[in-house]
Protein backbone atom coordinates (compact mmCIF):
# COMPACT_ATOMS: atom_id res chain seq x y z
CA MET A 1 -12.70 18.41 -38.03
CA ASP A 2 -12.68 18.10 -41.79
CA LEU A 3 -10.03 19.46 -44.11
CA ALA A 4 -12.43 21.91 -45.77
CA ALA A 5 -13.17 23.57 -42.43
CA LEU A 6 -9.46 23.78 -41.60
CA ARG A 7 -8.72 25.29 -45.01
CA ILE A 8 -11.41 27.95 -44.47
CA PHE A 9 -10.06 28.71 -40.99
CA SER A 10 -6.49 29.01 -42.26
CA THR A 11 -7.54 31.27 -45.13
CA VAL A 12 -9.48 33.59 -42.81
CA VAL A 13 -6.34 33.98 -40.68
CA ARG A 14 -4.03 34.49 -43.68
CA GLU A 15 -6.36 36.95 -45.42
CA GLY A 16 -7.11 38.89 -42.25
CA GLY A 17 -10.88 38.48 -42.27
CA VAL A 18 -13.97 36.80 -43.65
CA THR A 19 -14.52 39.09 -46.64
CA ARG A 20 -11.15 38.56 -48.29
CA ALA A 21 -11.17 34.87 -47.33
CA ALA A 22 -14.54 34.42 -49.03
CA GLU A 23 -13.18 36.05 -52.19
CA ARG A 24 -10.08 33.83 -52.16
CA LEU A 25 -12.16 30.68 -51.59
CA HIS A 26 -14.93 31.69 -54.03
CA ARG A 27 -17.55 31.34 -51.30
CA VAL A 28 -20.20 33.68 -49.97
CA GLN A 29 -19.30 35.41 -46.70
CA SER A 30 -22.19 33.85 -44.78
CA ASN A 31 -20.90 30.35 -45.66
CA VAL A 32 -17.41 31.17 -44.39
CA THR A 33 -18.81 32.63 -41.16
CA THR A 34 -21.02 29.57 -40.62
CA ARG A 35 -18.16 27.13 -41.14
CA ILE A 36 -15.99 29.01 -38.63
CA ARG A 37 -18.83 28.94 -36.07
CA GLN A 38 -19.32 25.20 -36.66
CA LEU A 39 -15.61 24.56 -36.17
CA GLU A 40 -15.64 26.50 -32.90
CA ASP A 41 -18.72 24.58 -31.72
CA GLU A 42 -17.05 21.28 -32.59
CA LEU A 43 -13.88 22.18 -30.69
CA GLY A 44 -15.71 23.88 -27.83
CA VAL A 45 -13.43 26.94 -27.90
CA ALA A 46 -13.40 30.39 -29.49
CA LEU A 47 -10.85 30.59 -32.30
CA PHE A 48 -11.20 34.34 -32.81
CA VAL A 49 -11.78 37.39 -30.61
CA ARG A 50 -14.47 39.41 -32.32
CA ALA A 51 -14.27 43.22 -32.16
CA GLY A 52 -17.10 44.56 -34.26
CA LYS A 53 -16.53 43.26 -37.79
CA ARG A 54 -12.87 42.56 -37.12
CA LEU A 55 -11.47 39.19 -36.10
CA HIS A 56 -8.36 38.70 -33.99
CA LEU A 57 -6.84 35.26 -33.56
CA ALA A 58 -7.54 33.87 -30.08
CA PRO A 59 -4.89 31.81 -28.20
CA ALA A 60 -6.73 28.58 -29.08
CA GLY A 61 -6.84 29.72 -32.70
CA GLY A 62 -3.06 30.19 -32.67
CA VAL A 63 -2.61 26.60 -31.48
CA LEU A 64 -5.01 25.26 -34.11
CA LEU A 65 -3.37 27.24 -36.91
CA ASP A 66 -0.09 25.36 -36.49
CA TYR A 67 -1.85 22.00 -36.66
CA ALA A 68 -4.10 23.12 -39.51
CA ASP A 69 -1.12 24.15 -41.63
CA ARG A 70 0.60 20.81 -41.02
CA LEU A 71 -2.56 18.78 -41.72
CA LEU A 72 -3.32 20.67 -44.91
CA ALA A 73 0.26 20.30 -46.13
CA LEU A 74 0.13 16.57 -45.41
CA ALA A 75 -3.19 16.28 -47.25
CA ASP A 76 -1.73 18.06 -50.26
CA GLU A 77 1.28 15.74 -50.14
CA ALA A 78 -1.02 12.69 -49.99
CA GLN A 79 -2.99 13.91 -53.01
CA THR A 80 0.20 14.41 -54.97
CA ALA A 81 1.46 10.95 -54.01
CA VAL A 82 -1.80 9.27 -54.99
CA ARG A 83 -1.82 10.96 -58.38
CA ASP A 84 1.88 10.43 -59.00
CA PRO A 85 2.37 7.46 -61.36
CA ARG A 86 5.91 6.86 -60.09
CA PRO A 87 6.39 3.98 -57.63
CA ARG A 88 6.96 5.21 -54.08
CA GLY A 89 6.37 4.20 -50.47
CA LEU A 90 6.19 0.73 -48.89
CA PHE A 91 5.87 -2.26 -51.22
CA ARG A 92 4.88 -5.44 -49.36
CA LEU A 93 5.87 -8.38 -51.53
CA GLY A 94 5.37 -12.08 -50.87
CA ALA A 95 7.27 -14.97 -52.47
CA MET A 96 7.78 -18.68 -52.15
CA GLU A 97 11.02 -19.60 -50.43
CA SER A 98 12.64 -20.97 -53.58
CA THR A 99 11.72 -17.86 -55.57
CA ALA A 100 13.06 -15.55 -52.89
CA ALA A 101 16.34 -17.43 -52.68
CA VAL A 102 17.07 -18.00 -56.36
CA ARG A 103 15.03 -15.72 -58.59
CA LEU A 104 14.55 -12.50 -56.64
CA PRO A 105 18.04 -11.21 -55.78
CA ALA A 106 18.77 -9.92 -59.29
CA ILE A 107 15.18 -8.74 -59.82
CA LEU A 108 15.02 -6.79 -56.57
CA THR A 109 18.46 -5.30 -57.14
CA GLU A 110 17.19 -3.88 -60.42
CA TYR A 111 13.98 -2.73 -58.73
CA HIS A 112 15.96 -0.81 -56.11
CA ARG A 113 18.12 0.76 -58.80
CA ARG A 114 15.14 2.02 -60.77
CA HIS A 115 12.85 2.97 -57.89
CA PRO A 116 14.84 4.22 -54.87
CA ALA A 117 11.70 5.89 -53.44
CA VAL A 118 10.20 2.44 -52.79
CA THR A 119 10.84 0.56 -49.53
CA LEU A 120 10.59 -3.19 -50.12
CA GLU A 121 9.30 -5.57 -47.46
CA LEU A 122 9.53 -9.30 -48.28
CA ARG A 123 7.56 -12.17 -46.74
CA THR A 124 7.99 -15.83 -47.67
CA GLY A 125 5.37 -18.54 -47.45
CA ASN A 126 3.39 -21.09 -49.44
CA PRO A 127 1.05 -19.87 -52.20
CA GLN A 128 -2.10 -20.42 -50.17
CA ALA A 129 -0.83 -18.32 -47.25
CA LEU A 130 0.46 -15.57 -49.55
CA ALA A 131 -2.79 -15.38 -51.51
CA THR A 132 -4.75 -15.12 -48.25
CA ALA A 133 -2.43 -12.32 -47.10
CA ILE A 134 -3.12 -10.36 -50.30
CA LEU A 135 -6.89 -10.66 -49.82
CA ALA A 136 -6.49 -9.59 -46.18
CA GLY A 137 -4.63 -6.44 -47.25
CA GLU A 138 -1.35 -7.59 -45.66
CA LEU A 139 0.56 -7.87 -48.97
CA ASP A 140 0.44 -5.83 -52.17
CA ALA A 141 1.55 -8.67 -54.45
CA ALA A 142 3.18 -12.09 -54.35
CA LEU A 143 5.10 -14.55 -56.51
CA VAL A 144 3.46 -17.96 -56.28
CA ALA A 145 3.29 -21.19 -58.23
CA GLU A 146 0.21 -22.06 -60.23
CA PRO A 147 -2.56 -23.04 -59.87
CA VAL A 148 -4.00 -19.80 -58.46
CA ALA A 149 -7.71 -18.92 -58.34
CA ASP A 150 -8.60 -16.54 -61.19
CA ALA A 151 -11.59 -14.76 -59.64
CA PRO A 152 -9.94 -12.65 -56.90
CA PHE A 153 -6.60 -11.96 -58.59
CA GLU A 154 -4.87 -10.45 -61.57
CA LYS A 155 -1.66 -12.18 -62.55
CA ALA A 156 1.30 -12.20 -64.90
CA VAL A 157 3.69 -15.06 -65.64
CA ALA A 158 7.05 -14.41 -63.97
CA PHE A 159 9.11 -17.61 -64.33
CA LYS A 160 8.85 -21.09 -65.78
CA GLU A 161 10.50 -23.70 -63.60
CA ASP A 162 11.86 -27.15 -64.43
CA LEU A 163 11.04 -29.49 -61.58
CA VAL A 164 13.12 -32.52 -60.56
CA ILE A 165 13.30 -35.08 -57.80
CA ILE A 166 16.60 -35.12 -55.93
CA ALA A 167 18.05 -37.86 -53.76
CA ALA A 168 21.42 -38.82 -52.31
CA ALA A 169 24.19 -39.38 -54.86
CA ASP A 170 24.13 -43.18 -54.38
CA HIS A 171 20.34 -43.51 -54.64
CA PRO A 172 19.27 -45.95 -57.37
CA PRO A 173 17.24 -44.62 -60.33
CA ILE A 174 13.68 -43.94 -59.25
CA GLY A 175 12.01 -44.05 -62.65
CA ARG A 176 10.91 -47.67 -62.37
CA LYS A 177 7.98 -48.70 -60.21
CA GLY A 178 8.93 -49.97 -56.79
CA ALA A 179 12.01 -47.76 -56.59
CA SER A 180 10.22 -44.75 -55.14
CA PRO A 181 11.92 -43.05 -52.17
CA ARG A 182 10.55 -44.31 -48.88
CA THR A 183 10.76 -40.87 -47.27
CA MET A 184 9.46 -37.67 -48.84
CA ILE A 185 11.02 -34.37 -47.74
CA ALA A 186 8.73 -31.40 -48.34
CA PHE A 187 7.29 -28.15 -47.12
CA GLU A 188 4.08 -28.05 -45.10
CA HIS A 189 0.66 -28.61 -46.71
CA GLY A 190 -0.20 -25.80 -49.10
CA CYS A 191 3.05 -26.05 -51.05
CA PRO A 192 2.27 -26.85 -54.73
CA HIS A 193 5.53 -28.76 -55.16
CA ARG A 194 4.61 -31.03 -52.26
CA LYS A 195 1.22 -31.62 -53.90
CA ARG A 196 2.97 -32.46 -57.17
CA PHE A 197 5.26 -34.95 -55.39
CA GLU A 198 2.24 -36.57 -53.73
CA ASN A 199 0.58 -36.81 -57.16
CA TRP A 200 3.72 -38.47 -58.51
CA TYR A 201 3.49 -41.15 -55.82
CA ALA A 202 -0.24 -41.57 -56.40
CA ALA A 203 0.22 -42.02 -60.17
CA ARG A 204 2.55 -44.92 -59.39
CA GLY A 205 0.05 -46.45 -56.97
CA GLU A 206 2.44 -45.80 -54.09
CA MET A 207 2.87 -43.48 -51.14
CA PRO A 208 5.83 -42.51 -48.97
CA GLU A 209 6.26 -44.36 -45.71
CA ARG A 210 7.29 -41.14 -44.00
CA THR A 211 7.17 -37.41 -44.67
CA ILE A 212 9.65 -34.93 -43.21
CA GLU A 213 8.40 -31.34 -43.21
CA LEU A 214 11.03 -28.58 -43.37
CA GLY A 215 10.94 -24.81 -43.76
CA SER A 216 13.67 -24.15 -46.34
CA TYR A 217 15.13 -25.69 -49.47
CA HIS A 218 18.65 -25.62 -48.12
CA ALA A 219 17.52 -27.65 -45.10
CA MET A 220 15.92 -30.09 -47.53
CA LEU A 221 19.11 -30.32 -49.57
CA GLY A 222 21.11 -31.05 -46.45
CA CYS A 223 18.76 -33.85 -45.48
CA VAL A 224 18.85 -35.28 -49.01
CA VAL A 225 22.67 -35.35 -48.96
CA ALA A 226 22.49 -37.16 -45.62
CA GLY A 227 20.35 -39.88 -47.24
CA MET A 228 17.25 -39.08 -45.19
CA GLY A 229 14.89 -39.01 -48.17
CA ALA A 230 14.06 -37.37 -51.50
CA ALA A 231 12.59 -33.99 -52.38
CA LEU A 232 10.93 -32.36 -55.37
CA MET A 233 12.03 -28.82 -56.16
CA PRO A 234 12.81 -26.38 -58.96
CA LYS A 235 16.05 -27.31 -60.71
CA SER A 236 17.17 -23.68 -60.38
CA VAL A 237 17.54 -24.17 -56.61
CA LEU A 238 20.41 -26.58 -57.18
CA ARG A 239 22.55 -23.75 -58.56
CA THR A 240 22.73 -22.24 -55.07
CA PHE A 241 23.88 -25.45 -53.37
CA PRO A 242 27.66 -25.94 -53.12
CA GLU A 243 27.37 -29.69 -52.43
CA SER A 244 25.38 -30.50 -55.59
CA ARG A 245 27.87 -33.25 -56.53
CA ARG A 246 26.56 -35.20 -53.53
CA ILE A 247 23.03 -35.45 -54.88
CA SER A 248 21.42 -37.30 -57.78
CA VAL A 249 18.81 -35.66 -60.01
CA HIS A 250 15.84 -37.65 -61.32
CA LYS A 251 13.45 -36.53 -64.04
CA LEU A 252 9.70 -36.26 -63.66
CA PRO A 253 7.10 -37.30 -66.23
CA SER A 254 6.32 -34.58 -68.80
CA ASP A 255 2.97 -33.79 -67.18
CA LEU A 256 4.64 -32.95 -63.85
CA ASN A 257 8.03 -31.50 -64.73
CA ARG A 258 7.12 -27.86 -65.47
CA ALA A 259 5.59 -25.19 -63.25
CA GLU A 260 4.79 -21.53 -63.76
CA THR A 261 5.45 -18.94 -61.09
CA VAL A 262 3.13 -15.96 -61.43
CA LEU A 263 3.00 -12.50 -59.94
CA ILE A 264 -0.44 -12.00 -58.42
CA TRP A 265 -2.24 -9.01 -56.93
CA ARG A 266 -5.81 -8.33 -55.87
CA LYS A 267 -8.11 -7.68 -58.82
CA GLY A 268 -8.55 -3.95 -59.34
CA ALA A 269 -5.82 -3.09 -56.83
CA GLY A 270 -2.80 -2.86 -59.10
CA SER A 271 -0.43 -0.07 -58.07
CA PRO A 272 2.55 1.64 -59.75
CA LYS A 273 4.79 -0.42 -57.45
CA THR A 274 3.31 -3.72 -58.63
CA GLN A 275 3.29 -2.58 -62.25
CA ALA A 276 6.98 -1.66 -61.97
CA LEU A 277 7.84 -5.17 -60.74
CA GLU A 278 5.74 -6.77 -63.47
CA ARG A 279 7.58 -4.67 -66.06
CA ILE A 280 11.02 -5.77 -64.76
CA LEU A 281 9.93 -9.42 -64.76
CA ARG A 282 8.64 -9.10 -68.32
CA GLU A 283 11.89 -7.48 -69.50
CA SER A 284 13.94 -10.19 -67.79
CA LYS A 285 11.94 -12.89 -69.57
CA SER A 286 12.41 -11.14 -72.91
CA ARG A 287 16.17 -10.94 -72.47
CA LYS A 288 16.41 -14.66 -71.66
CA ALA A 289 14.21 -15.56 -74.64
CA ALA A 290 16.31 -13.51 -77.07
CA PRO A 291 18.71 -15.56 -79.27
């Protein structure tokens, strides 16, 4: 069944016959009659009882009419929603764990305030996994650290992060060669901050003796406090940690100490929901940049 056939059927019932239905639909009568016959053939039942030129709704037609009205109303609603520029419906957003924990609470609070018709669904993961989820149609957009492939995505800068290495409070300075932490604490492969930490070791001609993989920054911070190793992370994460006095913060070289987090979405698939988030992120950046 297609919607056009259901609309013709419903109009014939409402107008009380083919002639008036054809006038209402701006169709010739023979076309309306043919479409009704085709619908009956497709369903395998008679929708009308024919008495001369008059049509009376058959029991099966009465059943179909209820469904037809609901389907047509839903189709009209879908058309309105698609054409409506206001954000609405489910918004599937991805973010790195640090971004979700530190940067997003205020942003999403503002998003909810402005767009109550949107239902937000958040997934965390590393940039590679989030980008793959966007291309698979599982996410609408994601906040990830650069670098991100340009070809499949559109993107907008969301945040600029200062990156630092953290270790236990009594850890000696790690700037000089030979004082690198023996154990690196990091996310799984695919995390850009882990890659940056590995590059830091490589630039010094060194490598960690051991790598501990964890799934959250707060778990990493706990391990750092316990003296189990060192981690590289955005400095903003430290603001959420109540035991920050028990860690030491070590600077990175200028070529490794900054990272951009970008909002990405599939090229050509930007939606009002994504545009609304991009607008809030842009406004937030402008406020922070203002003197």
